[in-house]
Amino acid sequence: MAKIKGAVVIDTERCKGCNLCVVACPLDVLALTKKEVNIKGYNFSQEIKDDTCIGCSSCAMVCPDGCITVFKVKL
């Protein structure tokens, strides 16, 4: 049976740091930046655990601004 791996792509310049994606992720793959801000002055979401995403797309579904895209790859 093939294993599914996910890849998260975040449009950091559109992200307003609402933290909904961080809470929605079942594997704690995402976190808000602490020292970096985007052009609008918001701390943005970023992937902190490489190769951990399973591609469930929970983060993308709860993002109110549609800043997150999740890709699924069969291994």
N, C-alpha and C. Protein backbone atom coordinates (compact mmCIF):
# COMPACT_ATOMS: atom_id res chain seq x y z
N MET A 1 0.85 -1.18 0.00
CA MET A 1 0.00 0.00 0.00
C MET A 1 0.89 1.25 0.00
N ALA A 2 0.56 2.21 -0.83
CA ALA A 2 1.37 3.41 -0.96
C ALA A 2 1.16 4.35 0.23
N LYS A 3 2.24 4.96 0.64
CA LYS A 3 2.17 5.93 1.72
C LYS A 3 1.97 7.31 1.10
N ILE A 4 1.16 8.14 1.73
CA ILE A 4 0.89 9.49 1.23
C ILE A 4 1.69 10.50 2.05
N LYS A 5 2.35 11.40 1.34
CA LYS A 5 3.08 12.47 1.98
C LYS A 5 2.48 13.78 1.50
N GLY A 6 2.41 14.75 2.37
CA GLY A 6 1.87 16.04 1.99
C GLY A 6 2.93 17.11 1.92
N ALA A 7 2.65 18.14 1.15
CA ALA A 7 3.53 19.30 1.06
C ALA A 7 2.67 20.55 1.21
N VAL A 8 3.01 21.39 2.17
CA VAL A 8 2.25 22.59 2.46
C VAL A 8 2.93 23.79 1.82
N VAL A 9 2.16 24.59 1.08
CA VAL A 9 2.68 25.82 0.50
C VAL A 9 1.83 26.97 1.05
N ILE A 10 2.49 27.92 1.70
CA ILE A 10 1.79 29.04 2.33
C ILE A 10 2.19 30.34 1.65
N ASP A 11 1.19 31.11 1.26
CA ASP A 11 1.44 32.45 0.71
C ASP A 11 1.65 33.38 1.91
N THR A 12 2.89 33.53 2.31
CA THR A 12 3.21 34.25 3.55
C THR A 12 2.85 35.73 3.50
N GLU A 13 2.83 36.32 2.32
CA GLU A 13 2.50 37.74 2.21
C GLU A 13 1.00 38.00 2.40
N ARG A 14 0.17 37.00 2.15
CA ARG A 14 -1.27 37.14 2.36
C ARG A 14 -1.71 36.70 3.75
N CYS A 15 -0.89 35.92 4.43
CA CYS A 15 -1.24 35.37 5.74
C CYS A 15 -1.34 36.49 6.78
N LYS A 16 -2.41 36.46 7.57
CA LYS A 16 -2.59 37.48 8.60
C LYS A 16 -2.34 36.94 10.01
N GLY A 17 -1.81 35.73 10.10
CA GLY A 17 -1.43 35.17 11.40
C GLY A 17 -2.58 34.88 12.32
N CYS A 18 -3.69 34.40 11.80
CA CYS A 18 -4.88 34.15 12.64
C CYS A 18 -4.72 32.90 13.50
N ASN A 19 -3.76 32.03 13.17
CA ASN A 19 -3.43 30.84 13.96
C ASN A 19 -4.42 29.69 13.80
N LEU A 20 -5.43 29.82 12.95
CA LEU A 20 -6.41 28.75 12.77
C LEU A 20 -5.78 27.51 12.17
N CYS A 21 -4.86 27.67 11.24
CA CYS A 21 -4.20 26.52 10.61
C CYS A 21 -3.32 25.76 11.61
N VAL A 22 -2.67 26.49 12.49
CA VAL A 22 -1.81 25.87 13.50
C VAL A 22 -2.65 24.98 14.43
N VAL A 23 -3.79 25.46 14.83
CA VAL A 23 -4.69 24.71 15.72
C VAL A 23 -5.30 23.52 14.99
N ALA A 24 -5.60 23.67 13.70
CA ALA A 24 -6.27 22.61 12.94
C ALA A 24 -5.35 21.45 12.57
N CYS A 25 -4.05 21.65 12.55
CA CYS A 25 -3.12 20.61 12.12
C CYS A 25 -3.01 19.51 13.18
N PRO A 26 -3.34 18.27 12.83
CA PRO A 26 -3.30 17.18 13.82
C PRO A 26 -1.89 16.74 14.20
N LEU A 27 -0.90 17.10 13.39
CA LEU A 27 0.48 16.68 13.66
C LEU A 27 1.40 17.83 14.06
N ASP A 28 0.84 18.99 14.33
CA ASP A 28 1.62 20.18 14.73
C ASP A 28 2.73 20.50 13.75
N VAL A 29 2.40 20.48 12.47
CA VAL A 29 3.38 20.75 11.42
C VAL A 29 3.61 22.26 11.26
N LEU A 30 2.61 23.06 11.58
CA LEU A 30 2.68 24.51 11.36
C LEU A 30 2.83 25.29 12.67
N ALA A 31 3.43 26.47 12.55
CA ALA A 31 3.54 27.39 13.68
C ALA A 31 3.67 28.81 13.13
N LEU A 32 3.32 29.78 13.94
CA LEU A 32 3.50 31.17 13.55
C LEU A 32 4.94 31.58 13.81
N THR A 33 5.45 32.46 12.96
CA THR A 33 6.79 32.98 13.17
C THR A 33 6.81 33.84 14.43
N LYS A 34 7.94 33.89 15.09
CA LYS A 34 8.05 34.69 16.30
C LYS A 34 8.73 36.03 16.04
N LYS A 35 9.73 36.04 15.16
CA LYS A 35 10.50 37.27 14.93
C LYS A 35 10.30 37.85 13.54
N GLU A 36 9.82 37.04 12.59
CA GLU A 36 9.64 37.53 11.22
C GLU A 36 8.20 38.00 11.01
N VAL A 37 8.04 39.02 10.20
CA VAL A 37 6.71 39.50 9.82
C VAL A 37 6.67 39.67 8.31
N ASN A 38 5.45 39.62 7.76
CA ASN A 38 5.31 39.83 6.32
C ASN A 38 5.20 41.32 6.01
N ILE A 39 4.92 41.64 4.77
CA ILE A 39 4.88 43.04 4.35
C ILE A 39 3.78 43.84 5.06
N LYS A 40 2.73 43.14 5.52
CA LYS A 40 1.63 43.80 6.22
C LYS A 40 1.89 43.93 7.72
N GLY A 41 2.99 43.33 8.20
CA GLY A 41 3.34 43.43 9.61
C GLY A 41 2.81 42.30 10.47
N TYR A 42 2.33 41.24 9.86
CA TYR A 42 1.79 40.10 10.61
C TYR A 42 2.83 38.99 10.75
N ASN A 43 2.80 38.32 11.89
CA ASN A 43 3.54 37.06 12.01
C ASN A 43 2.79 36.07 11.14
N PHE A 44 3.50 35.30 10.34
CA PHE A 44 2.84 34.40 9.40
C PHE A 44 3.08 32.94 9.76
N SER A 45 2.28 32.09 9.20
CA SER A 45 2.38 30.65 9.44
C SER A 45 3.49 30.07 8.59
N GLN A 46 4.18 29.07 9.14
CA GLN A 46 5.22 28.38 8.40
C GLN A 46 5.28 26.92 8.82
N GLU A 47 5.82 26.10 7.95
CA GLU A 47 5.97 24.67 8.23
C GLU A 47 7.22 24.50 9.09
N ILE A 48 7.07 23.89 10.27
CA ILE A 48 8.22 23.73 11.16
C ILE A 48 8.73 22.30 11.24
N LYS A 49 7.93 21.34 10.80
CA LYS A 49 8.34 19.94 10.82
C LYS A 49 8.38 19.41 9.39
N ASP A 50 9.57 19.31 8.85
CA ASP A 50 9.72 18.81 7.49
C ASP A 50 9.37 17.32 7.43
N ASP A 51 8.79 16.90 6.31
CA ASP A 51 8.45 15.49 6.06
C ASP A 51 7.49 14.88 7.08
N THR A 52 6.68 15.70 7.72
CA THR A 52 5.72 15.20 8.70
C THR A 52 4.29 15.31 8.18
N CYS A 53 4.03 16.23 7.29
CA CYS A 53 2.68 16.46 6.76
C CYS A 53 2.15 15.21 6.06
N ILE A 54 0.89 14.87 6.36
CA ILE A 54 0.24 13.71 5.74
C ILE A 54 -0.73 14.12 4.64
N GLY A 55 -0.85 15.41 4.38
CA GLY A 55 -1.70 15.89 3.30
C GLY A 55 -3.18 15.89 3.62
N CYS A 56 -3.56 16.01 4.88
CA CYS A 56 -4.98 15.97 5.26
C CYS A 56 -5.74 17.22 4.85
N SER A 57 -5.04 18.32 4.60
CA SER A 57 -5.61 19.60 4.16
C SER A 57 -6.48 20.30 5.19
N SER A 58 -6.39 19.90 6.45
CA SER A 58 -7.17 20.58 7.50
C SER A 58 -6.78 22.05 7.60
N CYS A 59 -5.50 22.34 7.46
CA CYS A 59 -5.03 23.72 7.55
C CYS A 59 -5.61 24.57 6.42
N ALA A 60 -5.62 24.02 5.22
CA ALA A 60 -6.13 24.77 4.06
C ALA A 60 -7.63 25.00 4.16
N MET A 61 -8.36 24.05 4.72
CA MET A 61 -9.82 24.18 4.83
C MET A 61 -10.23 25.28 5.81
N VAL A 62 -9.45 25.50 6.87
CA VAL A 62 -9.84 26.50 7.87
C VAL A 62 -9.26 27.88 7.59
N CYS A 63 -8.35 28.00 6.63
CA CYS A 63 -7.74 29.30 6.34
C CYS A 63 -8.78 30.24 5.73
N PRO A 64 -9.10 31.34 6.43
CA PRO A 64 -10.15 32.24 5.93
C PRO A 64 -9.73 33.03 4.69
N ASP A 65 -8.44 33.14 4.43
CA ASP A 65 -7.96 33.91 3.29
C ASP A 65 -7.45 33.06 2.14
N GLY A 66 -7.52 31.74 2.27
CA GLY A 66 -7.08 30.84 1.20
C GLY A 66 -5.59 30.94 0.92
N CYS A 67 -4.80 31.11 1.94
CA CYS A 67 -3.36 31.27 1.79
C CYS A 67 -2.60 29.96 1.71
N ILE A 68 -3.26 28.85 1.98
CA ILE A 68 -2.58 27.57 2.08
C ILE A 68 -3.03 26.61 0.98
N THR A 69 -2.06 25.98 0.36
CA THR A 69 -2.30 24.93 -0.63
C THR A 69 -1.57 23.69 -0.16
N VAL A 70 -2.25 22.55 -0.19
CA VAL A 70 -1.63 21.29 0.22
C VAL A 70 -1.59 20.34 -0.97
N PHE A 71 -0.42 19.81 -1.23
CA PHE A 71 -0.24 18.84 -2.30
C PHE A 71 -0.02 17.47 -1.70
N LYS A 72 -0.54 16.44 -2.35
CA LYS A 72 -0.34 15.06 -1.90
C LYS A 72 0.54 14.33 -2.89
N VAL A 73 1.50 13.56 -2.36
CA VAL A 73 2.43 12.81 -3.17
C VAL A 73 2.46 11.38 -2.69
N LYS A 74 2.28 10.42 -3.61
CA LYS A 74 2.40 9.00 -3.25
C LYS A 74 3.87 8.62 -3.21
N LEU A 75 4.24 7.88 -2.20
CA LEU A 75 5.63 7.41 -2.09
C LEU A 75 5.72 5.95 -2.41
